């Protein structure tokens, strides 16, 4: 993975985390517990192209759909 792609992926992971936390009023600890259970950040890291062009709401919807499949 190129450095540019890695940096973009890390940024997308940050955006997903912050957008999801903001929507549901979660602390970092609460989000990390969800991540531990569902592998949210791993999902973002595995397919960053899915999240690259999504809006804030679309990112949250994508994560909600992913979490509901478990």
N, C-alpha and C. Protein backbone atom coordinates (compact mmCIF):
# COMPACT_ATOMS: atom_id res chain seq x y z
N UNK A 1 0.85 -1.17 0.00
CA UNK A 1 0.00 0.00 0.00
C UNK A 1 0.90 1.24 0.00
N UNK A 2 0.60 2.16 -0.89
CA UNK A 2 1.40 3.38 -0.95
C UNK A 2 1.14 4.24 0.28
N UNK A 3 2.07 5.13 0.55
CA UNK A 3 1.92 6.01 1.72
C UNK A 3 0.68 6.90 1.58
N UNK A 4 0.43 7.36 0.37
CA UNK A 4 -0.74 8.22 0.13
C UNK A 4 -2.03 7.45 0.42
N UNK A 5 -2.11 6.23 -0.06
CA UNK A 5 -3.31 5.41 0.18
C UNK A 5 -3.45 5.08 1.66
N UNK A 6 -2.35 4.77 2.32
CA UNK A 6 -2.38 4.49 3.75
C UNK A 6 -2.88 5.70 4.52
N UNK A 7 -2.36 6.87 4.20
CA UNK A 7 -2.81 8.10 4.87
C UNK A 7 -4.30 8.35 4.63
N UNK A 8 -4.75 8.11 3.41
CA UNK A 8 -6.17 8.28 3.08
C UNK A 8 -7.03 7.30 3.88
N UNK A 9 -6.57 6.07 3.99
CA UNK A 9 -7.31 5.06 4.74
C UNK A 9 -7.40 5.43 6.21
N UNK A 10 -6.32 5.89 6.78
CA UNK A 10 -6.31 6.32 8.18
C UNK A 10 -7.27 7.49 8.37
N UNK A 11 -7.27 8.42 7.44
CA UNK A 11 -8.18 9.56 7.52
C UNK A 11 -9.63 9.10 7.44
N UNK A 12 -9.93 8.16 6.57
CA UNK A 12 -11.29 7.63 6.46
C UNK A 12 -11.71 6.93 7.75
N UNK A 13 -10.79 6.21 8.35
CA UNK A 13 -11.08 5.55 9.63
C UNK A 13 -11.42 6.60 10.69
N UNK A 14 -10.67 7.69 10.69
CA UNK A 14 -10.94 8.79 11.61
C UNK A 14 -12.32 9.39 11.35
N UNK A 15 -12.64 9.66 10.08
CA UNK A 15 -13.93 10.25 9.74
C UNK A 15 -15.09 9.35 10.16
N UNK A 16 -14.98 8.07 9.87
CA UNK A 16 -16.03 7.13 10.25
C UNK A 16 -16.21 7.13 11.76
N UNK A 17 -15.11 7.08 12.48
CA UNK A 17 -15.17 7.08 13.95
C UNK A 17 -15.87 8.33 14.46
N UNK A 18 -15.42 9.48 14.01
CA UNK A 18 -15.99 10.74 14.51
C UNK A 18 -17.44 10.93 14.09
N UNK A 19 -17.77 10.59 12.85
CA UNK A 19 -19.15 10.74 12.39
C UNK A 19 -20.09 9.82 13.16
N UNK A 20 -19.68 8.59 13.38
CA UNK A 20 -20.51 7.64 14.10
C UNK A 20 -20.67 8.06 15.56
N UNK A 21 -19.57 8.48 16.17
CA UNK A 21 -19.61 8.93 17.56
C UNK A 21 -20.54 10.13 17.71
N UNK A 22 -20.41 11.07 16.79
CA UNK A 22 -21.23 12.28 16.84
C UNK A 22 -22.71 11.95 16.69
N UNK A 23 -23.04 11.08 15.76
CA UNK A 23 -24.44 10.71 15.51
C UNK A 23 -25.09 10.10 16.75
N UNK A 24 -24.33 9.24 17.45
CA UNK A 24 -24.90 8.50 18.57
C UNK A 24 -24.43 8.97 19.94
N UNK A 25 -23.68 10.06 19.98
CA UNK A 25 -23.23 10.62 21.25
C UNK A 25 -22.35 9.67 22.04
N UNK A 26 -21.47 8.97 21.35
CA UNK A 26 -20.62 7.98 21.99
C UNK A 26 -19.28 8.57 22.39
N UNK A 27 -18.74 8.08 23.49
CA UNK A 27 -17.37 8.42 23.86
C UNK A 27 -16.43 7.55 23.01
N UNK A 28 -15.16 7.89 23.04
CA UNK A 28 -14.17 7.07 22.34
C UNK A 28 -14.22 5.64 22.85
N UNK A 29 -14.30 5.49 24.17
CA UNK A 29 -14.33 4.16 24.78
C UNK A 29 -15.53 3.35 24.31
N UNK A 30 -16.68 4.00 24.23
CA UNK A 30 -17.88 3.31 23.78
C UNK A 30 -17.75 2.89 22.31
N UNK A 31 -17.19 3.78 21.49
CA UNK A 31 -17.00 3.42 20.09
C UNK A 31 -16.00 2.27 19.96
N UNK A 32 -14.93 2.31 20.74
CA UNK A 32 -13.92 1.24 20.66
C UNK A 32 -14.48 -0.10 21.10
N UNK A 33 -15.43 -0.11 22.03
CA UNK A 33 -16.09 -1.36 22.41
C UNK A 33 -16.90 -1.90 21.24
N UNK A 34 -17.61 -1.01 20.55
CA UNK A 34 -18.34 -1.43 19.34
C UNK A 34 -17.39 -1.95 18.28
N UNK A 35 -16.29 -1.25 18.11
CA UNK A 35 -15.29 -1.67 17.13
C UNK A 35 -14.72 -3.04 17.48
N UNK A 36 -14.48 -3.26 18.74
CA UNK A 36 -13.96 -4.56 19.18
C UNK A 36 -14.95 -5.68 18.86
N UNK A 37 -16.22 -5.38 19.06
CA UNK A 37 -17.26 -6.38 18.81
C UNK A 37 -17.50 -6.63 17.33
N UNK A 38 -17.49 -5.57 16.52
CA UNK A 38 -17.89 -5.67 15.11
C UNK A 38 -16.76 -5.48 14.10
N UNK A 39 -15.61 -5.02 14.52
CA UNK A 39 -14.50 -4.82 13.58
C UNK A 39 -14.76 -3.70 12.58
N UNK A 40 -15.34 -2.62 13.05
CA UNK A 40 -15.72 -1.51 12.17
C UNK A 40 -14.50 -0.92 11.48
N UNK A 41 -13.47 -0.60 12.24
CA UNK A 41 -12.29 0.04 11.64
C UNK A 41 -11.55 -0.91 10.71
N UNK A 42 -11.57 -2.18 11.01
CA UNK A 42 -10.96 -3.17 10.12
C UNK A 42 -11.73 -3.20 8.79
N UNK A 43 -13.05 -3.10 8.87
CA UNK A 43 -13.87 -3.05 7.66
C UNK A 43 -13.50 -1.85 6.80
N UNK A 44 -13.35 -0.70 7.42
CA UNK A 44 -12.96 0.51 6.69
C UNK A 44 -11.58 0.32 6.07
N UNK A 45 -10.66 -0.26 6.83
CA UNK A 45 -9.29 -0.47 6.33
C UNK A 45 -9.25 -1.46 5.17
N UNK A 46 -10.13 -2.45 5.20
CA UNK A 46 -10.14 -3.46 4.14
C UNK A 46 -10.74 -2.95 2.84
N UNK A 47 -11.65 -2.00 2.94
CA UNK A 47 -12.29 -1.49 1.71
C UNK A 47 -12.47 0.03 1.78
N UNK A 48 -11.37 0.77 1.83
CA UNK A 48 -11.47 2.22 1.93
C UNK A 48 -12.15 2.86 0.73
N UNK A 49 -12.08 2.21 -0.43
CA UNK A 49 -12.71 2.79 -1.62
C UNK A 49 -14.21 2.94 -1.46
N UNK A 50 -14.82 2.08 -0.65
CA UNK A 50 -16.25 2.18 -0.39
C UNK A 50 -16.57 3.51 0.28
N UNK A 51 -15.70 3.94 1.20
CA UNK A 51 -15.96 5.12 2.02
C UNK A 51 -15.43 6.41 1.42
N UNK A 52 -14.57 6.30 0.44
CA UNK A 52 -13.86 7.45 -0.10
C UNK A 52 -14.77 8.56 -0.62
N UNK A 53 -15.88 8.21 -1.22
CA UNK A 53 -16.74 9.23 -1.83
C UNK A 53 -18.06 9.41 -1.08
N UNK A 54 -18.18 8.82 0.10
CA UNK A 54 -19.44 8.90 0.83
C UNK A 54 -19.54 10.17 1.66
N UNK A 55 -20.76 10.64 1.82
CA UNK A 55 -21.02 11.76 2.72
C UNK A 55 -21.02 11.24 4.15
N UNK A 56 -21.11 12.15 5.11
CA UNK A 56 -21.16 11.78 6.52
C UNK A 56 -22.32 10.80 6.79
N UNK A 57 -23.49 11.13 6.32
CA UNK A 57 -24.66 10.27 6.53
C UNK A 57 -24.51 8.92 5.84
N UNK A 58 -23.96 8.92 4.66
CA UNK A 58 -23.77 7.67 3.93
C UNK A 58 -22.75 6.77 4.64
N UNK A 59 -21.71 7.36 5.22
CA UNK A 59 -20.73 6.58 5.99
C UNK A 59 -21.41 5.88 7.16
N UNK A 60 -22.24 6.63 7.87
CA UNK A 60 -22.94 6.07 9.02
C UNK A 60 -23.88 4.95 8.56
N UNK A 61 -24.60 5.17 7.48
CA UNK A 61 -25.50 4.14 6.96
C UNK A 61 -24.73 2.88 6.56
N UNK A 62 -23.57 3.05 5.96
CA UNK A 62 -22.74 1.92 5.56
C UNK A 62 -22.31 1.11 6.80
N UNK A 63 -21.90 1.81 7.84
CA UNK A 63 -21.49 1.13 9.07
C UNK A 63 -22.68 0.45 9.73
N UNK A 64 -23.83 1.11 9.76
CA UNK A 64 -25.03 0.50 10.34
C UNK A 64 -25.40 -0.78 9.59
N UNK A 65 -25.31 -0.75 8.27
CA UNK A 65 -25.61 -1.94 7.48
C UNK A 65 -24.60 -3.05 7.78
N UNK A 66 -23.34 -2.69 7.88
CA UNK A 66 -22.29 -3.66 8.18
C UNK A 66 -22.50 -4.30 9.55
N UNK A 67 -22.80 -3.49 10.55
CA UNK A 67 -23.00 -3.97 11.91
C UNK A 67 -24.25 -4.86 11.99
N UNK A 68 -25.27 -4.52 11.25
CA UNK A 68 -26.51 -5.31 11.31
C UNK A 68 -26.37 -6.68 10.67
N UNK A 69 -25.35 -6.87 9.85
CA UNK A 69 -25.13 -8.17 9.19
C UNK A 69 -24.53 -9.19 10.15
N UNK A 70 -23.90 -8.70 11.21
CA UNK A 70 -23.26 -9.62 12.18
C UNK A 70 -24.25 -10.36 13.02
